[in-house]
């Protein structure tokens, strides 16, 4: 698949994720992640959400986390992003100042195909300029933003997609904080 090769070489894409239209790239590629920060005109002190295909991939980038995360991710009935402490191996541009990062195990077939094809996690940030509304469908994405990405996946163009995931933060001691 050509798009996977583009992602492997540091390209930035526009794609329908499991929750919203998103801008994405290889989450381990510092240059590509910095480019997303520029595209979104986003503060560098805000972290991004990363998609993985399962716990095996998650454990590669988050070496230590509370065991309750397994149950919460498995039992979630809608997309759930968990903010994990002390990420390793991911681009610094997508991490919070404290080294934490929000990661979601996706079940979306397209996202899984991209992640498994790259064999790496993928950035999934809303397809909007920071502080602007999240587009509900492809047609609502800013035309200038569409021009800044290297490739757009033309699937599910008419589908309404404007429900971001729930976000919780879980500390190593098991303390849970609901973010969104």
Protein backbone atom coordinates (compact mmCIF):
# COMPACT_ATOMS: atom_id res chain seq x y z
CA UNK A 1 0.00 0.00 0.00
CA UNK A 2 1.59 3.28 -1.15
CA UNK A 3 0.32 5.28 1.82
CA UNK A 4 2.19 3.02 4.25
CA UNK A 5 5.44 3.62 2.37
CA UNK A 6 4.78 7.37 2.56
CA UNK A 7 4.24 7.14 6.33
CA UNK A 8 7.46 5.15 6.69
CA UNK A 9 9.37 7.96 4.94
CA UNK A 10 8.03 10.68 7.24
CA UNK A 11 5.02 11.93 5.29
CA UNK A 12 1.99 13.48 6.98
CA UNK A 13 -1.52 12.30 6.09
CA UNK A 14 -5.14 13.33 6.54
CA UNK A 15 -7.35 10.36 7.38
CA UNK A 16 -10.57 9.25 9.05
CA UNK A 17 -9.64 7.81 12.44
CA UNK A 18 -11.76 5.80 14.85
CA UNK A 19 -13.22 9.05 16.25
CA UNK A 20 -12.60 12.13 14.05
CA UNK A 21 -10.85 13.26 10.88
CA UNK A 22 -7.21 13.34 11.86
CA UNK A 23 -3.75 14.41 10.84
CA UNK A 24 -1.24 11.65 11.34
CA UNK A 25 2.27 10.36 10.85
CA UNK A 26 4.70 7.84 12.27
CA UNK A 27 4.73 8.70 15.98
CA UNK A 28 8.43 7.83 16.23
CA UNK A 29 9.51 10.24 13.48
CA UNK A 30 10.55 13.52 15.11
CA UNK A 31 10.63 15.53 11.89
CA UNK A 32 7.13 14.41 10.81
CA UNK A 33 5.71 15.08 14.28
CA UNK A 34 7.23 18.58 14.34
CA UNK A 35 5.63 19.19 10.96
CA UNK A 36 2.21 18.37 12.43
CA UNK A 37 2.86 20.89 15.23
CA UNK A 38 3.54 23.49 12.52
CA UNK A 39 0.51 22.52 10.41
CA UNK A 40 -1.80 22.84 13.40
CA UNK A 41 -0.09 26.02 14.63
CA UNK A 42 -0.08 24.33 18.00
CA UNK A 43 1.80 25.13 21.18
CA UNK A 44 4.79 22.85 21.63
CA UNK A 45 3.84 22.15 25.25
CA UNK A 46 0.70 20.17 24.30
CA UNK A 47 0.95 16.45 23.67
CA UNK A 48 -0.76 14.48 20.91
CA UNK A 49 -2.78 11.29 20.90
CA UNK A 50 -1.08 8.20 19.53
CA UNK A 51 -2.81 5.11 18.15
CA UNK A 52 -1.45 1.59 18.62
CA UNK A 53 -2.79 -1.80 17.53
CA UNK A 54 -2.67 -3.52 20.92
CA UNK A 55 -0.92 -3.94 24.24
CA UNK A 56 2.18 -5.52 22.74
CA UNK A 57 2.90 -2.31 20.81
CA UNK A 58 1.88 -0.13 23.74
CA UNK A 59 4.29 -1.94 26.08
CA UNK A 60 7.17 -1.23 23.68
CA UNK A 61 6.71 2.54 24.17
CA UNK A 62 5.33 2.63 27.72
CA UNK A 63 7.59 0.38 29.76
CA UNK A 64 5.75 0.90 33.05
CA UNK A 65 2.09 1.55 33.80
CA UNK A 66 -0.55 0.51 36.31
CA UNK A 67 -2.20 -2.85 35.58
CA UNK A 68 -5.69 -1.32 35.71
CA UNK A 69 -4.97 0.10 32.24
CA UNK A 70 -5.39 -3.41 30.77
CA UNK A 71 -8.91 -3.73 32.17
CA UNK A 72 -10.00 -0.21 31.28
CA UNK A 73 -8.81 -0.51 27.68
CA UNK A 74 -10.37 -3.97 27.28
CA UNK A 75 -13.71 -3.00 28.83
CA UNK A 76 -14.16 0.38 27.12
CA UNK A 77 -17.32 0.48 25.02
CA UNK A 78 -16.23 3.60 23.11
CA UNK A 79 -12.78 4.90 22.11
CA UNK A 80 -10.73 5.57 25.25
CA UNK A 81 -7.40 7.38 25.32
CA UNK A 82 -5.27 6.78 28.38
CA UNK A 83 -2.49 9.17 29.31
CA UNK A 84 0.47 7.04 30.31
CA UNK A 85 3.58 8.22 32.19
CA UNK A 86 7.15 8.13 30.91
CA UNK A 87 6.92 7.24 27.23
CA UNK A 88 10.04 6.02 25.48
CA UNK A 89 10.90 5.71 21.79
CA UNK A 90 8.27 8.22 20.61
CA UNK A 91 9.05 11.60 19.05
CA UNK A 92 9.60 14.25 21.73
CA UNK A 93 7.40 16.68 19.77
CA UNK A 94 4.29 14.68 20.68
CA UNK A 95 4.99 14.19 24.39
CA UNK A 96 3.83 16.36 27.27
CA UNK A 97 6.52 18.20 29.24
CA UNK A 98 6.51 15.45 31.88
CA UNK A 99 7.15 12.76 29.24
CA UNK A 100 3.61 11.40 29.32
CA UNK A 101 1.49 10.71 26.24
CA UNK A 102 -2.10 9.82 25.43
CA UNK A 103 -2.40 6.44 23.71
CA UNK A 104 -5.47 4.68 22.37
CA UNK A 105 -5.69 1.07 21.26
CA UNK A 106 -7.71 1.39 18.09
CA UNK A 107 -10.14 -1.12 16.67
CA UNK A 108 -10.72 0.83 13.44
CA UNK A 109 -9.84 -1.33 10.38
CA UNK A 110 -8.20 1.51 8.43
CA UNK A 111 -6.10 2.67 11.40
CA UNK A 112 -5.07 -0.91 12.16
CA UNK A 113 -4.02 -1.43 8.53
CA UNK A 114 -1.82 1.68 8.63
CA UNK A 115 -0.28 0.93 12.05
CA UNK A 116 0.39 -2.71 11.24
CA UNK A 117 1.77 -1.80 7.84
CA UNK A 118 4.25 0.63 9.40
CA UNK A 119 4.81 -1.61 12.44
CA UNK A 120 4.80 1.62 14.44
CA UNK A 121 2.32 3.79 16.36
CA UNK A 122 0.59 6.63 14.55
CA UNK A 123 -0.22 10.19 15.59
CA UNK A 124 -3.94 10.97 15.62
CA UNK A 125 -4.66 14.65 16.15
CA UNK A 126 -7.78 16.49 15.03
CA UNK A 127 -7.74 17.87 11.49
CA UNK A 128 -8.01 21.50 12.49
CA UNK A 129 -5.86 24.47 13.33
CA UNK A 130 -5.42 24.66 17.11
CA UNK A 131 -8.26 26.36 18.96
CA UNK A 132 -10.57 26.07 15.91
CA UNK A 133 -13.61 23.75 15.90
CA UNK A 134 -13.12 20.08 15.13
CA UNK A 135 -14.57 19.35 11.67
CA UNK A 136 -17.57 17.02 11.65
CA UNK A 137 -16.80 15.66 8.19
CA UNK A 138 -14.19 15.91 5.46
CA UNK A 139 -15.93 18.85 3.75
CA UNK A 140 -15.54 20.96 6.93
CA UNK A 141 -11.74 20.60 7.06
CA UNK A 142 -10.00 23.88 6.29
CA UNK A 143 -8.91 24.02 2.62
CA UNK A 144 -5.47 25.37 3.54
CA UNK A 145 -4.93 22.55 6.00
CA UNK A 146 -5.83 20.01 3.29
CA UNK A 147 -3.07 21.48 1.10
CA UNK A 148 -0.39 21.14 3.79
CA UNK A 149 -0.52 17.35 4.15
CA UNK A 150 1.28 14.96 1.81
CA UNK A 151 -1.64 12.60 1.25
CA UNK A 152 -5.35 12.35 2.00
CA UNK A 153 -7.14 9.05 2.41
CA UNK A 154 -10.39 9.41 0.52
CA UNK A 155 -12.57 7.05 2.55
CA UNK A 156 -15.66 7.83 4.62
CA UNK A 157 -15.76 11.37 3.21
CA UNK A 158 -19.44 11.95 4.03
CA UNK A 159 -19.43 10.24 7.41
CA UNK A 160 -20.03 12.50 10.42
CA UNK A 161 -17.01 12.11 12.68
CA UNK A 162 -16.78 14.67 15.44
CA UNK A 163 -16.80 12.73 18.67
CA UNK A 164 -13.33 12.76 20.21
CA UNK A 165 -12.35 9.91 22.50
CA UNK A 166 -12.76 10.00 26.23
CA UNK A 167 -9.42 10.78 27.90
CA UNK A 168 -8.24 9.65 31.31
CA UNK A 169 -4.86 9.88 33.00
CA UNK A 170 -3.61 6.99 35.09
CA UNK A 171 -0.57 7.43 37.29
CA UNK A 172 1.76 4.59 38.25
CA UNK A 173 0.03 4.33 41.64
CA UNK A 174 -3.35 3.79 39.93
CA UNK A 175 -4.71 7.29 40.53
CA UNK A 176 -7.25 8.06 37.80
CA UNK A 177 -8.06 11.55 36.60
CA UNK A 178 -10.78 12.16 34.01
CA UNK A 179 -9.59 14.70 31.43
CA UNK A 180 -12.44 14.59 28.89
